[in-house]
Amino acid sequence: ADLSFAWIFNEYPSFVQEDSRRFVSQETGHLYIAKVEPSDVGNYTCVATSTATNSHVLGPPTPLVLRTDGVMGEYEPKIEVQFPETLPAAKGSTVKLECFALGK
């Protein structure tokens, strides 16, 4: 069965809205947040929904806290991809590939 993913921020029905800083991978279910801000601090809960049966499974709450000691450091830029080298597709079909950049 196909799964779709969403994230609750603190309490239902407050869902994370994807924008220029927030991205939810529909391949892995991972939530990515760029340039974390104080307003992002809280608990995040993943919701996996089966599109076949419309049933939901909730993961455990994951707290996000801000570090003030600067220990995270800097990361080299890299392109993160989750797809195989070859992706067969039927002519006329639509293919969506997830690709995004990491770094600071």
Protein backbone atom coordinates (compact mmCIF):
# COMPACT_ATOMS: atom_id res chain seq x y z
CA ALA A 1 0.00 0.00 0.00
CA ASP A 2 1.22 3.48 -0.78
CA LEU A 3 1.98 5.74 2.16
CA SER A 4 1.78 9.50 2.51
CA PHE A 5 3.55 11.41 5.27
CA ALA A 6 2.75 14.53 7.29
CA TRP A 7 4.05 16.00 10.55
CA ILE A 8 2.06 17.39 13.48
CA PHE A 9 3.66 20.38 15.23
CA ASN A 10 2.93 20.17 19.00
CA GLU A 11 -0.78 19.23 18.86
CA TYR A 12 -3.29 18.00 16.29
CA PRO A 13 -4.57 19.62 14.06
CA SER A 14 -1.48 21.85 13.76
CA PHE A 15 0.39 20.35 10.79
CA VAL A 16 3.77 21.47 9.47
CA GLN A 17 3.18 23.50 6.32
CA GLU A 18 5.78 23.03 3.60
CA ASP A 19 7.39 26.29 2.49
CA SER A 20 10.83 27.63 1.58
CA ARG A 21 12.24 26.31 4.89
CA ARG A 22 10.27 23.11 5.51
CA PHE A 23 10.17 19.97 3.38
CA VAL A 24 8.50 16.60 4.01
CA SER A 25 9.92 13.74 1.93
CA GLN A 26 7.15 11.52 0.57
CA GLU A 27 9.82 8.88 -0.12
CA THR A 28 11.27 8.54 3.39
CA GLY A 29 8.82 10.46 5.60
CA HIS A 30 11.67 12.65 6.87
CA LEU A 31 11.04 16.26 7.85
CA TYR A 32 13.76 18.76 6.89
CA ILE A 33 13.92 22.29 8.31
CA ALA A 34 16.39 24.86 6.99
CA LYS A 35 17.67 27.73 9.12
CA VAL A 36 15.88 26.74 12.34
CA GLU A 37 14.19 29.61 14.15
CA PRO A 38 12.94 29.90 17.76
CA SER A 39 9.36 29.46 16.49
CA ASP A 40 10.31 25.96 15.27
CA VAL A 41 10.98 24.72 18.83
CA GLY A 42 8.44 22.13 19.97
CA ASN A 43 7.38 18.52 19.50
CA TYR A 44 7.04 16.93 16.06
CA THR A 45 5.01 13.78 15.42
CA CYS A 46 5.08 11.91 12.11
CA VAL A 47 1.77 10.71 10.66
CA ALA A 48 1.90 7.94 8.05
CA THR A 49 -1.34 7.46 6.11
CA SER A 50 -2.14 4.45 3.95
CA THR A 51 -3.74 5.77 0.77
CA ALA A 52 -5.31 2.34 0.19
CA THR A 53 -7.17 2.04 3.52
CA ASN A 54 -6.99 5.69 4.72
CA SER A 55 -5.69 4.45 8.08
CA HIS A 56 -3.17 6.48 10.10
CA VAL A 57 -0.18 5.53 12.24
CA LEU A 58 1.48 8.10 14.52
CA GLY A 59 5.14 7.95 15.46
CA PRO A 60 6.53 9.04 18.82
CA PRO A 61 6.85 12.79 19.47
CA THR A 62 10.31 14.13 18.63
CA PRO A 63 11.37 17.30 20.47
CA LEU A 64 13.27 20.03 18.63
CA VAL A 65 15.38 22.26 20.86
CA LEU A 66 17.71 25.12 19.95
CA ARG A 67 21.38 24.85 20.79
CA THR A 68 23.06 28.07 21.86
CA ASP A 69 26.62 26.76 22.14
CA GLY A 70 27.28 26.72 18.40
CA VAL A 71 28.57 23.16 18.64
CA MET A 72 26.84 21.97 15.47
CA GLY A 73 29.46 23.71 13.35
CA GLU A 74 29.34 24.04 9.59
CA TYR A 75 28.63 21.43 6.95
CA GLU A 76 30.06 21.23 3.47
CA PRO A 77 27.50 21.76 0.71
CA LYS A 78 26.16 18.62 -0.90
CA ILE A 79 23.19 17.52 -2.97
CA GLU A 80 21.01 14.92 -1.26
CA VAL A 81 19.21 12.48 -3.55
CA GLN A 82 17.11 9.42 -2.78
CA PHE A 83 16.50 7.95 -6.22
CA PRO A 84 18.23 5.17 -8.20
CA GLU A 85 20.62 5.83 -11.10
CA THR A 86 18.03 4.52 -13.56
CA LEU A 87 14.33 5.20 -13.19
CA PRO A 88 12.04 3.45 -15.72
CA ALA A 89 8.93 5.45 -16.62
CA ALA A 90 6.09 4.98 -19.05
CA LYS A 91 5.87 7.45 -21.92
CA GLY A 92 3.51 10.28 -21.05
CA SER A 93 3.63 9.55 -17.31
CA THR A 94 4.69 12.06 -14.65
CA VAL A 95 7.78 11.36 -12.55
CA LYS A 96 8.67 13.28 -9.38
CA LEU A 97 12.26 13.17 -8.08
CA GLU A 98 13.25 14.57 -4.70
CA CYS A 99 16.54 16.46 -4.67
CA PHE A 100 17.66 19.16 -2.25
CA ALA A 101 20.83 20.83 -1.03
CA LEU A 102 22.43 20.63 2.40
CA GLY A 103 25.13 22.86 3.82
CA LYS A 104 25.91 25.97 5.79
